[in-house]
Full PDB file with SEQRES, HELIX, SHEET, SSBOND, CRYST1, ORIGX, SCALE, CONECT and MASTER records, all heavy atoms in Angstrom:
SEQRES   1 A   41  LEU VAL ASP ILE HIS LYS GLU TRP VAL GLN GLU ALA LEU          
SEQRES   2 A   41  ARG THR ASN ASP LEU GLY ARG ASN GLU ALA TRP SER LYS          
SEQRES   3 A   41  SER LEU ALA VAL GLY SER GLU SER PHE VAL LEU GLY THR          
SEQRES   4 A   41  GLN ASP                                                      
HELIX    1 AA1 VAL A    2  ARG A   14  1                                  13    
HELIX    2 AA2 ALA A   23  LYS A   26  1                                   4    
HELIX    3 AA3 GLU A   33  GLN A   40  1                                   8    
CRYST1    1.000    1.000    1.000  90.00  90.00  90.00 P 1           1          
ORIGX1      1.000000  0.000000  0.000000        0.00000                         
ORIGX2      0.000000  1.000000  0.000000        0.00000                         
ORIGX3      0.000000  0.000000  1.000000        0.00000                         
SCALE1      1.000000  0.000000  0.000000        0.00000                         
SCALE2      0.000000  1.000000  0.000000        0.00000                         
SCALE3      0.000000  0.000000  1.000000        0.00000                         
ATOM      1  N   LEU A   1     -11.387  -6.955 -13.700  1.00  0.00           N  
ATOM      2  CA  LEU A   1     -10.502  -7.445 -12.648  1.00  0.00           C  
ATOM      3  C   LEU A   1      -9.235  -8.046 -13.243  1.00  0.00           C  
ATOM      4  O   LEU A   1      -8.123  -7.777 -12.778  1.00  0.00           O  
ATOM      5  CB  LEU A   1     -11.219  -8.492 -11.801  1.00  0.00           C  
ATOM      6  CG  LEU A   1     -10.330  -9.284 -10.829  1.00  0.00           C  
ATOM      7  CD1 LEU A   1      -9.797  -8.372  -9.717  1.00  0.00           C  
ATOM      8  CD2 LEU A   1     -11.093 -10.467 -10.224  1.00  0.00           C  
ATOM      9  N   VAL A   2      -9.400  -8.867 -14.280  1.00  0.00           N  
ATOM     10  CA  VAL A   2      -8.251  -9.511 -14.925  1.00  0.00           C  
ATOM     11  C   VAL A   2      -7.271  -8.462 -15.434  1.00  0.00           C  
ATOM     12  O   VAL A   2      -6.053  -8.571 -15.226  1.00  0.00           O  
ATOM     13  CB  VAL A   2      -8.723 -10.420 -16.070  1.00  0.00           C  
ATOM     14  CG1 VAL A   2      -7.530 -10.937 -16.876  1.00  0.00           C  
ATOM     15  CG2 VAL A   2      -9.533 -11.596 -15.522  1.00  0.00           C  
ATOM     16  N   ASP A   3      -7.780  -7.432 -16.092  1.00  0.00           N  
ATOM     17  CA  ASP A   3      -6.910  -6.392 -16.650  1.00  0.00           C  
ATOM     18  C   ASP A   3      -6.198  -5.617 -15.552  1.00  0.00           C  
ATOM     19  O   ASP A   3      -4.982  -5.366 -15.638  1.00  0.00           O  
ATOM     20  CB  ASP A   3      -7.737  -5.426 -17.506  1.00  0.00           C  
ATOM     21  CG  ASP A   3      -8.233  -6.061 -18.798  1.00  0.00           C  
ATOM     22  OD1 ASP A   3      -7.678  -7.109 -19.192  1.00  0.00           O  
ATOM     23  OD2 ASP A   3      -9.182  -5.522 -19.394  1.00  0.00           O  
ATOM     24  N   ILE A   4      -6.930  -5.207 -14.522  1.00  0.00           N  
ATOM     25  CA  ILE A   4      -6.324  -4.428 -13.441  1.00  0.00           C  
ATOM     26  C   ILE A   4      -5.309  -5.261 -12.679  1.00  0.00           C  
ATOM     27  O   ILE A   4      -4.206  -4.782 -12.351  1.00  0.00           O  
ATOM     28  CB  ILE A   4      -7.422  -3.892 -12.495  1.00  0.00           C  
ATOM     29  CG1 ILE A   4      -8.274  -2.848 -13.215  1.00  0.00           C  
ATOM     30  CG2 ILE A   4      -6.814  -3.305 -11.219  1.00  0.00           C  
ATOM     31  CD1 ILE A   4      -9.495  -2.404 -12.444  1.00  0.00           C  
ATOM     32  N   HIS A   5      -5.639  -6.501 -12.401  1.00  0.00           N  
ATOM     33  CA  HIS A   5      -4.724  -7.398 -11.699  1.00  0.00           C  
ATOM     34  C   HIS A   5      -3.423  -7.574 -12.475  1.00  0.00           C  
ATOM     35  O   HIS A   5      -2.320  -7.461 -11.913  1.00  0.00           O  
ATOM     36  CB  HIS A   5      -5.427  -8.749 -11.500  1.00  0.00           C  
ATOM     37  CG  HIS A   5      -4.568  -9.810 -10.913  1.00  0.00           C  
ATOM     38  ND1 HIS A   5      -4.201 -10.942 -11.613  1.00  0.00           N  
ATOM     39  CD2 HIS A   5      -3.990  -9.938  -9.688  1.00  0.00           C  
ATOM     40  CE1 HIS A   5      -3.464 -11.710 -10.854  1.00  0.00           C  
ATOM     41  NE2 HIS A   5      -3.315 -11.126  -9.684  1.00  0.00           N  
ATOM     42  N   LYS A   6      -3.538  -7.835 -13.753  1.00  0.00           N  
ATOM     43  CA  LYS A   6      -2.334  -8.006 -14.588  1.00  0.00           C  
ATOM     44  C   LYS A   6      -1.507  -6.734 -14.618  1.00  0.00           C  
ATOM     45  O   LYS A   6      -0.269  -6.781 -14.517  1.00  0.00           O  
ATOM     46  CB  LYS A   6      -2.757  -8.401 -16.003  1.00  0.00           C  
ATOM     47  CG  LYS A   6      -1.591  -8.730 -16.925  1.00  0.00           C  
ATOM     48  CD  LYS A   6      -2.098  -9.220 -18.273  1.00  0.00           C  
ATOM     49  CE  LYS A   6      -0.938  -9.607 -19.182  1.00  0.00           C  
ATOM     50  NZ  LYS A   6      -1.426 -10.129 -20.484  1.00  0.00           N  
ATOM     51  N   GLU A   7      -2.178  -5.587 -14.726  1.00  0.00           N  
ATOM     52  CA  GLU A   7      -1.482  -4.304 -14.774  1.00  0.00           C  
ATOM     53  C   GLU A   7      -0.725  -4.036 -13.475  1.00  0.00           C  
ATOM     54  O   GLU A   7       0.434  -3.584 -13.505  1.00  0.00           O  
ATOM     55  CB  GLU A   7      -2.496  -3.198 -15.034  1.00  0.00           C  
ATOM     56  CG  GLU A   7      -1.909  -1.793 -15.077  1.00  0.00           C  
ATOM     57  CD  GLU A   7      -2.975  -0.728 -15.263  1.00  0.00           C  
ATOM     58  OE1 GLU A   7      -4.052  -1.055 -15.784  1.00  0.00           O  
ATOM     59  OE2 GLU A   7      -2.730   0.422 -14.851  1.00  0.00           O  
ATOM     60  N   TRP A   8      -1.345  -4.322 -12.332  1.00  0.00           N  
ATOM     61  CA  TRP A   8      -0.702  -4.070 -11.046  1.00  0.00           C  
ATOM     62  C   TRP A   8       0.515  -4.977 -10.866  1.00  0.00           C  
ATOM     63  O   TRP A   8       1.552  -4.541 -10.349  1.00  0.00           O  
ATOM     64  CB  TRP A   8      -1.705  -4.276  -9.911  1.00  0.00           C  
ATOM     65  CG  TRP A   8      -2.607  -3.104  -9.688  1.00  0.00           C  
ATOM     66  CD1 TRP A   8      -3.162  -2.298 -10.646  1.00  0.00           C  
ATOM     67  CD2 TRP A   8      -3.063  -2.609  -8.432  1.00  0.00           C  
ATOM     68  NE1 TRP A   8      -3.948  -1.346 -10.060  1.00  0.00           N  
ATOM     69  CE2 TRP A   8      -3.912  -1.502  -8.702  1.00  0.00           C  
ATOM     70  CE3 TRP A   8      -2.865  -2.987  -7.117  1.00  0.00           C  
ATOM     71  CZ2 TRP A   8      -4.534  -0.779  -7.696  1.00  0.00           C  
ATOM     72  CZ3 TRP A   8      -3.495  -2.262  -6.103  1.00  0.00           C  
ATOM     73  CH2 TRP A   8      -4.307  -1.175  -6.391  1.00  0.00           C  
ATOM     74  N   VAL A   9       0.403  -6.225 -11.264  1.00  0.00           N  
ATOM     75  CA  VAL A   9       1.542  -7.146 -11.153  1.00  0.00           C  
ATOM     76  C   VAL A   9       2.673  -6.689 -12.059  1.00  0.00           C  
ATOM     77  O   VAL A   9       3.848  -6.643 -11.646  1.00  0.00           O  
ATOM     78  CB  VAL A   9       1.114  -8.585 -11.490  1.00  0.00           C  
ATOM     79  CG1 VAL A   9       2.337  -9.492 -11.641  1.00  0.00           C  
ATOM     80  CG2 VAL A   9       0.190  -9.141 -10.409  1.00  0.00           C  
ATOM     81  N   GLN A  10       2.358  -6.320 -13.291  1.00  0.00           N  
ATOM     82  CA  GLN A  10       3.385  -5.870 -14.225  1.00  0.00           C  
ATOM     83  C   GLN A  10       4.076  -4.610 -13.735  1.00  0.00           C  
ATOM     84  O   GLN A  10       5.290  -4.461 -13.875  1.00  0.00           O  
ATOM     85  CB  GLN A  10       2.767  -5.643 -15.606  1.00  0.00           C  
ATOM     86  CG  GLN A  10       2.365  -6.925 -16.321  1.00  0.00           C  
ATOM     87  CD  GLN A  10       1.680  -6.661 -17.650  1.00  0.00           C  
ATOM     88  OE1 GLN A  10       1.072  -5.611 -17.862  1.00  0.00           O  
ATOM     89  NE2 GLN A  10       1.766  -7.622 -18.549  1.00  0.00           N  
ATOM     90  N   GLU A  11       3.300  -3.701 -13.127  1.00  0.00           N  
ATOM     91  CA  GLU A  11       3.885  -2.464 -12.614  1.00  0.00           C  
ATOM     92  C   GLU A  11       4.826  -2.745 -11.449  1.00  0.00           C  
ATOM     93  O   GLU A  11       5.910  -2.148 -11.350  1.00  0.00           O  
ATOM     94  CB  GLU A  11       2.777  -1.504 -12.177  1.00  0.00           C  
ATOM     95  CG  GLU A  11       3.265  -0.189 -11.588  1.00  0.00           C  
ATOM     96  CD  GLU A  11       4.001   0.683 -12.591  1.00  0.00           C  
ATOM     97  OE1 GLU A  11       3.951   0.398 -13.806  1.00  0.00           O  
ATOM     98  OE2 GLU A  11       4.642   1.654 -12.138  1.00  0.00           O  
ATOM     99  N   ALA A  12       4.442  -3.657 -10.578  1.00  0.00           N  
ATOM    100  CA  ALA A  12       5.309  -4.021  -9.452  1.00  0.00           C  
ATOM    101  C   ALA A  12       6.609  -4.648  -9.948  1.00  0.00           C  
ATOM    102  O   ALA A  12       7.695  -4.362  -9.418  1.00  0.00           O  
ATOM    103  CB  ALA A  12       4.583  -4.984  -8.521  1.00  0.00           C  
ATOM    104  N   LEU A  13       6.515  -5.476 -10.971  1.00  0.00           N  
ATOM    105  CA  LEU A  13       7.715  -6.097 -11.534  1.00  0.00           C  
ATOM    106  C   LEU A  13       8.576  -5.054 -12.251  1.00  0.00           C  
ATOM    107  O   LEU A  13       9.808  -5.073 -12.140  1.00  0.00           O  
ATOM    108  CB  LEU A  13       7.321  -7.209 -12.510  1.00  0.00           C  
ATOM    109  CG  LEU A  13       6.644  -8.442 -11.893  1.00  0.00           C  
ATOM    110  CD1 LEU A  13       6.126  -9.363 -12.981  1.00  0.00           C  
ATOM    111  CD2 LEU A  13       7.605  -9.194 -10.983  1.00  0.00           C  
ATOM    112  N   ARG A  14       7.938  -4.148 -12.958  1.00  0.00           N  
ATOM    113  CA  ARG A  14       8.678  -3.130 -13.715  1.00  0.00           C  
ATOM    114  C   ARG A  14       9.444  -2.202 -12.796  1.00  0.00           C  
ATOM    115  O   ARG A  14      10.591  -1.833 -13.066  1.00  0.00           O  
ATOM    116  CB  ARG A  14       7.711  -2.320 -14.587  1.00  0.00           C  
ATOM    117  CG  ARG A  14       8.403  -1.321 -15.510  1.00  0.00           C  
ATOM    118  CD  ARG A  14       7.392  -0.468 -16.252  1.00  0.00           C  
ATOM    119  NE  ARG A  14       6.672   0.423 -15.352  1.00  0.00           N  
ATOM    120  CZ  ARG A  14       7.167   1.592 -14.906  1.00  0.00           C  
ATOM    121  NH1 ARG A  14       8.383   1.991 -15.267  1.00  0.00           N  
ATOM    122  NH2 ARG A  14       6.455   2.354 -14.110  1.00  0.00           N  
ATOM    123  N   THR A  15       8.822  -1.814 -11.679  1.00  0.00           N  
ATOM    124  CA  THR A  15       9.442  -0.872 -10.744  1.00  0.00           C  
ATOM    125  C   THR A  15      10.231  -1.577  -9.646  1.00  0.00           C  
ATOM    126  O   THR A  15      10.771  -0.915  -8.758  1.00  0.00           O  
ATOM    127  CB  THR A  15       8.370   0.016 -10.101  1.00  0.00           C  
ATOM    128  OG1 THR A  15       7.431  -0.813  -9.392  1.00  0.00           O  
ATOM    129  CG2 THR A  15       7.648   0.821 -11.168  1.00  0.00           C  
ATOM    130  N   ASN A  16      10.252  -2.908  -9.703  1.00  0.00           N  
ATOM    131  CA  ASN A  16      10.938  -3.717  -8.678  1.00  0.00           C  
ATOM    132  C   ASN A  16      10.373  -3.445  -7.293  1.00  0.00           C  
ATOM    133  O   ASN A  16      11.097  -3.434  -6.291  1.00  0.00           O  
ATOM    134  CB  ASN A  16      12.445  -3.454  -8.698  1.00  0.00           C  
ATOM    135  CG  ASN A  16      13.229  -4.564  -8.009  1.00  0.00           C  
ATOM    136  OD1 ASN A  16      12.861  -5.741  -8.060  1.00  0.00           O  
ATOM    137  ND2 ASN A  16      14.310  -4.196  -7.338  1.00  0.00           N  
ATOM    138  N   ASP A  17       9.057  -3.245  -7.224  1.00  0.00           N  
ATOM    139  CA  ASP A  17       8.371  -2.996  -5.956  1.00  0.00           C  
ATOM    140  C   ASP A  17       8.017  -4.348  -5.329  1.00  0.00           C  
ATOM    141  O   ASP A  17       6.863  -4.758  -5.286  1.00  0.00           O  
ATOM    142  CB  ASP A  17       7.114  -2.166  -6.205  1.00  0.00           C  
ATOM    143  CG  ASP A  17       6.409  -1.773  -4.915  1.00  0.00           C  
ATOM    144  OD1 ASP A  17       7.021  -1.898  -3.839  1.00  0.00           O  
ATOM    145  OD2 ASP A  17       5.236  -1.347  -4.987  1.00  0.00           O  
ATOM    146  N   LEU A  18       9.050  -5.027  -4.836  1.00  0.00           N  
ATOM    147  CA  LEU A  18       8.897  -6.405  -4.389  1.00  0.00           C  
ATOM    148  C   LEU A  18       9.245  -6.601  -2.918  1.00  0.00           C  
ATOM    149  O   LEU A  18       9.312  -7.729  -2.437  1.00  0.00           O  
ATOM    150  CB  LEU A  18       9.792  -7.338  -5.238  1.00  0.00           C  
ATOM    151  CG  LEU A  18       9.578  -7.283  -6.751  1.00  0.00           C  
ATOM    152  CD1 LEU A  18      10.633  -8.113  -7.459  1.00  0.00           C  
ATOM    153  CD2 LEU A  18       8.186  -7.767  -7.113  1.00  0.00           C  
ATOM    154  N   GLY A  19       9.488  -5.515  -2.220  1.00  0.00           N  
ATOM    155  CA  GLY A  19       9.922  -5.631  -0.833  1.00  0.00           C  
ATOM    156  C   GLY A  19       8.868  -6.251   0.071  1.00  0.00           C  
ATOM    157  O   GLY A  19       7.658  -6.135  -0.171  1.00  0.00           O  
ATOM    158  N   ARG A  20       9.335  -6.906   1.100  1.00  0.00           N  
ATOM    159  CA  ARG A  20       8.422  -7.483   2.085  1.00  0.00           C  
ATOM    160  C   ARG A  20       7.805  -6.359   2.922  1.00  0.00           C  
ATOM    161  O   ARG A  20       8.470  -5.396   3.275  1.00  0.00           O  
ATOM    162  CB  ARG A  20       9.166  -8.464   2.996  1.00  0.00           C  
ATOM    163  CG  ARG A  20       9.718  -9.664   2.264  1.00  0.00           C  
ATOM    164  CD  ARG A  20      10.370 -10.652   3.217  1.00  0.00           C  
ATOM    165  NE  ARG A  20      11.001 -11.739   2.507  1.00  0.00           N  
ATOM    166  CZ  ARG A  20      10.360 -12.811   2.041  1.00  0.00           C  
ATOM    167  NH1 ARG A  20       9.063 -12.915   2.229  1.00  0.00           N  
ATOM    168  NH2 ARG A  20      10.994 -13.762   1.390  1.00  0.00           N  
ATOM    169  N   ASN A  21       6.549  -6.518   3.238  1.00  0.00           N  
ATOM    170  CA  ASN A  21       5.853  -5.563   4.103  1.00  0.00           C  
ATOM    171  C   ASN A  21       5.065  -6.366   5.119  1.00  0.00           C  
ATOM    172  O   ASN A  21       4.047  -6.969   4.793  1.00  0.00           O  
ATOM    173  CB  ASN A  21       4.929  -4.659   3.289  1.00  0.00           C  
ATOM    174  CG  ASN A  21       4.344  -3.543   4.127  1.00  0.00           C  
ATOM    175  OD1 ASN A  21       4.302  -3.633   5.355  1.00  0.00           O  
ATOM    176  ND2 ASN A  21       3.882  -2.495   3.481  1.00  0.00           N  
ATOM    177  N   GLU A  22       5.551  -6.381   6.353  1.00  0.00           N  
ATOM    178  CA  GLU A  22       4.941  -7.205   7.386  1.00  0.00           C  
ATOM    179  C   GLU A  22       3.550  -6.727   7.779  1.00  0.00           C  
ATOM    180  O   GLU A  22       2.837  -7.425   8.497  1.00  0.00           O  
ATOM    181  CB  GLU A  22       5.852  -7.259   8.612  1.00  0.00           C  
ATOM    182  CG  GLU A  22       7.157  -8.002   8.348  1.00  0.00           C  
ATOM    183  CD  GLU A  22       7.999  -8.174   9.600  1.00  0.00           C  
ATOM    184  OE1 GLU A  22       7.701  -7.480  10.608  1.00  0.00           O  
ATOM    185  OE2 GLU A  22       8.926  -8.994   9.586  1.00  0.00           O  
ATOM    186  N   ALA A  23       3.149  -5.542   7.288  1.00  0.00           N  
ATOM    187  CA  ALA A  23       1.791  -5.075   7.570  1.00  0.00           C  
ATOM    188  C   ALA A  23       0.757  -6.078   7.082  1.00  0.00           C  
ATOM    189  O   ALA A  23      -0.279  -6.282   7.722  1.00  0.00           O  
ATOM    190  CB  ALA A  23       1.553  -3.723   6.903  1.00  0.00           C  
ATOM    191  N   TRP A  24       1.034  -6.740   5.951  1.00  0.00           N  
ATOM    192  CA  TRP A  24       0.071  -7.652   5.356  1.00  0.00           C  
ATOM    193  C   TRP A  24      -0.013  -8.995   6.080  1.00  0.00           C  
ATOM    194  O   TRP A  24      -0.990  -9.723   5.920  1.00  0.00           O  
ATOM    195  CB  TRP A  24       0.405  -7.899   3.884  1.00  0.00           C  
ATOM    196  CG  TRP A  24       0.369  -6.666   3.062  1.00  0.00           C  
ATOM    197  CD1 TRP A  24       1.435  -6.038   2.481  1.00  0.00           C  
ATOM    198  CD2 TRP A  24      -0.778  -5.874   2.732  1.00  0.00           C  
ATOM    199  NE1 TRP A  24       1.023  -4.912   1.815  1.00  0.00           N  
ATOM    200  CE2 TRP A  24      -0.332  -4.788   1.954  1.00  0.00           C  
ATOM    201  CE3 TRP A  24      -2.134  -5.982   3.024  1.00  0.00           C  
ATOM    202  CZ2 TRP A  24      -1.202  -3.812   1.459  1.00  0.00           C  
ATOM    203  CZ3 TRP A  24      -3.012  -5.019   2.533  1.00  0.00           C  
ATOM    204  CH2 TRP A  24      -2.537  -3.945   1.757  1.00  0.00           C  
ATOM    205  N   SER A  25       0.995  -9.338   6.838  1.00  0.00           N  
ATOM    206  CA  SER A  25       1.032 -10.687   7.424  1.00  0.00           C  
ATOM    207  C   SER A  25       1.277 -10.732   8.923  1.00  0.00           C  
ATOM    208  O   SER A  25       1.173 -11.805   9.522  1.00  0.00           O  
ATOM    209  CB  SER A  25       2.112 -11.524   6.726  1.00  0.00           C  
ATOM    210  OG  SER A  25       3.379 -10.905   6.829  1.00  0.00           O  
ATOM    211  N   LYS A  26       1.584  -9.588   9.545  1.00  0.00           N  
ATOM    212  CA  LYS A  26       1.875  -9.621  10.974  1.00  0.00           C  
ATOM    213  C   LYS A  26       1.083  -8.594  11.769  1.00  0.00           C  
ATOM    214  O   LYS A  26       1.432  -8.296  12.910  1.00  0.00           O  
ATOM    215  CB  LYS A  26       3.382  -9.426  11.215  1.00  0.00           C  
ATOM    216  CG  LYS A  26       4.211 -10.624  10.769  1.00  0.00           C  
ATOM    217  CD  LYS A  26       5.644 -10.522  11.273  1.00  0.00           C  
ATOM    218  CE  LYS A  26       6.423 -11.784  10.921  1.00  0.00           C  
ATOM    219  NZ  LYS A  26       7.814 -11.733  11.434  1.00  0.00           N  
ATOM    220  N   SER A  27       0.038  -8.063  11.177  1.00  0.00           N  
ATOM    221  CA  SER A  27      -0.802  -7.104  11.890  1.00  0.00           C  
ATOM    222  C   SER A  27      -2.185  -7.697  12.109  1.00  0.00           C  
ATOM    223  O   SER A  27      -2.503  -8.772  11.611  1.00  0.00           O  
ATOM    224  CB  SER A  27      -0.894  -5.797  11.101  1.00  0.00           C  
ATOM    225  OG  SER A  27      -1.432  -6.042   9.812  1.00  0.00           O  
ATOM    226  N   LEU A  28      -3.000  -6.984  12.850  1.00  0.00           N  
ATOM    227  CA  LEU A  28      -4.369  -7.434  13.089  1.00  0.00           C  
ATOM    228  C   LEU A  28      -5.318  -7.002  11.987  1.00  0.00           C  
ATOM    229  O   LEU A  28      -6.291  -7.698  11.693  1.00  0.00           O  
ATOM    230  CB  LEU A  28      -4.872  -6.874  14.426  1.00  0.00           C  
ATOM    231  CG  LEU A  28      -4.292  -7.487  15.695  1.00  0.00           C  
ATOM    232  CD1 LEU A  28      -4.680  -6.641  16.900  1.00  0.00           C  
ATOM    233  CD2 LEU A  28      -4.791  -8.894  15.874  1.00  0.00           C  
ATOM    234  N   ALA A  29      -5.057  -5.838  11.381  1.00  0.00           N  
ATOM    235  CA  ALA A  29      -5.936  -5.322  10.338  1.00  0.00           C  
ATOM    236  C   ALA A  29      -5.178  -4.317   9.487  1.00  0.00           C  
ATOM    237  O   ALA A  29      -4.292  -3.613   9.978  1.00  0.00           O  
ATOM    238  CB  ALA A  29      -7.174  -4.666  10.943  1.00  0.00           C  
ATOM    239  N   VAL A  30      -5.562  -4.248   8.203  1.00  0.00           N  
ATOM    240  CA  VAL A  30      -4.980  -3.298   7.264  1.00  0.00           C  
ATOM    241  C   VAL A  30      -6.106  -2.668   6.460  1.00  0.00           C  
ATOM    242  O   VAL A  30      -6.985  -3.375   5.946  1.00  0.00           O  
ATOM    243  CB  VAL A  30      -3.980  -3.976   6.301  1.00  0.00           C  
ATOM    244  CG1 VAL A  30      -3.456  -2.957   5.287  1.00  0.00           C  
ATOM    245  CG2 VAL A  30      -2.825  -4.611   7.056  1.00  0.00           C  
ATOM    246  N   GLY A  31      -6.077  -1.334   6.342  1.00  0.00           N  
ATOM    247  CA  GLY A  31      -7.089  -0.661   5.541  1.00  0.00           C  
ATOM    248  C   GLY A  31      -7.120   0.826   5.835  1.00  0.00           C  
ATOM    249  O   GLY A  31      -6.122   1.406   6.288  1.00  0.00           O  
ATOM    250  N   SER A  32      -8.259   1.433   5.602  1.00  0.00           N  
ATOM    251  CA  SER A  32      -8.437   2.846   5.919  1.00  0.00           C  
ATOM    252  C   SER A  32      -8.485   3.022   7.435  1.00  0.00           C  
ATOM    253  O   SER A  32      -8.664   2.068   8.189  1.00  0.00           O  
ATOM    254  CB  SER A  32      -9.732   3.363   5.302  1.00  0.00           C  
ATOM    255  OG  SER A  32     -10.851   2.711   5.883  1.00  0.00           O  
ATOM    256  N   GLU A  33      -8.368   4.269   7.865  1.00  0.00           N  
ATOM    257  CA  GLU A  33      -8.400   4.527   9.302  1.00  0.00           C  
ATOM    258  C   GLU A  33      -9.735   4.095   9.907  1.00  0.00           C  
ATOM    259  O   GLU A  33      -9.777   3.512  10.989  1.00  0.00           O  
ATOM    260  CB  GLU A  33      -8.141   6.006   9.583  1.00  0.00           C  
ATOM    261  CG  GLU A  33      -8.027   6.331  11.058  1.00  0.00           C  
ATOM    262  CD  GLU A  33      -7.643   7.769  11.322  1.00  0.00           C  
ATOM    263  OE1 GLU A  33      -7.796   8.605  10.399  1.00  0.00           O  
ATOM    264  OE2 GLU A  33      -7.195   8.072  12.449  1.00  0.00           O  
ATOM    265  N   SER A  34     -10.835   4.366   9.196  1.00  0.00           N  
ATOM    266  CA  SER A  34     -12.144   3.997   9.725  1.00  0.00           C  
ATOM    267  C   SER A  34     -12.305   2.485   9.816  1.00  0.00           C  
ATOM    268  O   SER A  34     -12.890   1.967  10.780  1.00  0.00           O  
ATOM    269  CB  SER A  34     -13.249   4.591   8.856  1.00  0.00           C  
ATOM    270  OG  SER A  34     -13.172   4.103   7.528  1.00  0.00           O  
ATOM    271  N   PHE A  35     -11.777   1.743   8.833  1.00  0.00           N  
ATOM    272  CA  PHE A  35     -11.856   0.280   8.874  1.00  0.00           C  
ATOM    273  C   PHE A  35     -11.053  -0.279  10.040  1.00  0.00           C  
ATOM    274  O   PHE A  35     -11.513  -1.155  10.776  1.00  0.00           O  
ATOM    275  CB  PHE A  35     -11.322  -0.305   7.563  1.00  0.00           C  
ATOM    276  CG  PHE A  35     -11.201  -1.802   7.571  1.00  0.00           C  
ATOM    277  CD1 PHE A  35     -12.307  -2.615   7.350  1.00  0.00           C  
ATOM    278  CD2 PHE A  35      -9.968  -2.423   7.794  1.00  0.00           C  
ATOM    279  CE1 PHE A  35     -12.200  -4.003   7.358  1.00  0.00           C  
ATOM    280  CE2 PHE A  35      -9.845  -3.804   7.803  1.00  0.00           C  
ATOM    281  CZ  PHE A  35     -10.974  -4.594   7.581  1.00  0.00           C  
ATOM    282  N   VAL A  36      -9.848   0.235  10.217  1.00  0.00           N  
ATOM    283  CA  VAL A  36      -8.985  -0.265  11.290  1.00  0.00           C  
ATOM    284  C   VAL A  36      -9.584   0.081  12.656  1.00  0.00           C  
ATOM    285  O   VAL A  36      -9.571  -0.748  13.577  1.00  0.00           O  
ATOM    286  CB  VAL A  36      -7.554   0.293  11.136  1.00  0.00           C  
ATOM    287  CG1 VAL A  36      -6.702  -0.061  12.343  1.00  0.00           C  
ATOM    288  CG2 VAL A  36      -6.919  -0.252   9.857  1.00  0.00           C  
ATOM    289  N   LEU A  37     -10.125   1.289  12.799  1.00  0.00           N  
ATOM    290  CA  LEU A  37     -10.776   1.671  14.054  1.00  0.00           C  
ATOM    291  C   LEU A  37     -11.983   0.780  14.335  1.00  0.00           C  
ATOM    292  O   LEU A  37     -12.209   0.353  15.472  1.00  0.00           O  
ATOM    293  CB  LEU A  37     -11.210   3.127  13.999  1.00  0.00           C  
ATOM    294  CG  LEU A  37     -10.115   4.182  14.208  1.00  0.00           C  
ATOM    295  CD1 LEU A  37     -10.626   5.562  13.818  1.00  0.00           C  
ATOM    296  CD2 LEU A  37      -9.628   4.172  15.654  1.00  0.00           C  
ATOM    297  N   GLY A  38     -12.760   0.484  13.292  1.00  0.00           N  
ATOM    298  CA  GLY A  38     -13.915  -0.382  13.456  1.00  0.00           C  
ATOM    299  C   GLY A  38     -13.523  -1.795  13.848  1.00  0.00           C  
ATOM    300  O   GLY A  38     -14.175  -2.423  14.692  1.00  0.00           O  
ATOM    301  N   THR A  39     -12.445  -2.295  13.238  1.00  0.00           N  
ATOM    302  CA  THR A  39     -11.955  -3.634  13.580  1.00  0.00           C  
ATOM    303  C   THR A  39     -11.467  -3.669  15.022  1.00  0.00           C  
ATOM    304  O   THR A  39     -11.749  -4.617  15.761  1.00  0.00           O  
ATOM    305  CB  THR A  39     -10.818  -4.047  12.635  1.00  0.00           C  
ATOM    306  OG1 THR A  39     -11.275  -3.987  11.280  1.00  0.00           O  
ATOM    307  CG2 THR A  39     -10.343  -5.465  12.936  1.00  0.00           C  
ATOM    308  N   GLN A  40     -10.746  -2.638  15.417  1.00  0.00           N  
ATOM    309  CA  GLN A  40     -10.268  -2.557  16.790  1.00  0.00           C  
ATOM    310  C   GLN A  40     -11.426  -2.601  17.777  1.00  0.00           C  
ATOM    311  O   GLN A  40     -11.372  -3.302  18.791  1.00  0.00           O  
ATOM    312  CB  GLN A  40      -9.466  -1.272  16.983  1.00  0.00           C  
ATOM    313  CG  GLN A  40      -8.856  -1.134  18.378  1.00  0.00           C  
ATOM    314  CD  GLN A  40      -8.196   0.224  18.565  1.00  0.00           C  
ATOM    315  OE1 GLN A  40      -8.755   1.253  18.206  1.00  0.00           O  
ATOM    316  NE2 GLN A  40      -6.992   0.217  19.123  1.00  0.00           N  
ATOM    317  N   ASP A  41     -12.496  -1.900  17.456  1.00  0.00           N  
ATOM    318  CA  ASP A  41     -13.661  -1.877  18.330  1.00  0.00           C  
ATOM    319  C   ASP A  41     -14.328  -3.250  18.392  1.00  0.00           C  
ATOM    320  O   ASP A  41     -14.717  -3.709  19.470  1.00  0.00           O  
ATOM    321  CB  ASP A  41     -14.656  -0.833  17.822  1.00  0.00           C  
ATOM    322  CG  ASP A  41     -15.848  -0.669  18.765  1.00  0.00           C  
ATOM    323  OD1 ASP A  41     -15.635  -0.336  19.946  1.00  0.00           O  
ATOM    324  OD2 ASP A  41     -16.980  -0.887  18.316  1.00  0.00           O  
TER     325      ASP A  41                                                      
MASTER        0    0    0    3    0    0    0    6  324    1    0    4          
END                                                                             
């Protein structure tokens, strides 16, 4: 987990993938289609 977490953060910083995405903070659920459908139900 430590290695993957560090790698993902470094990649986001390297590619400047820092944009805001309101999906993570202003939606009811985020995930696969089956997860979101299940949550909706």
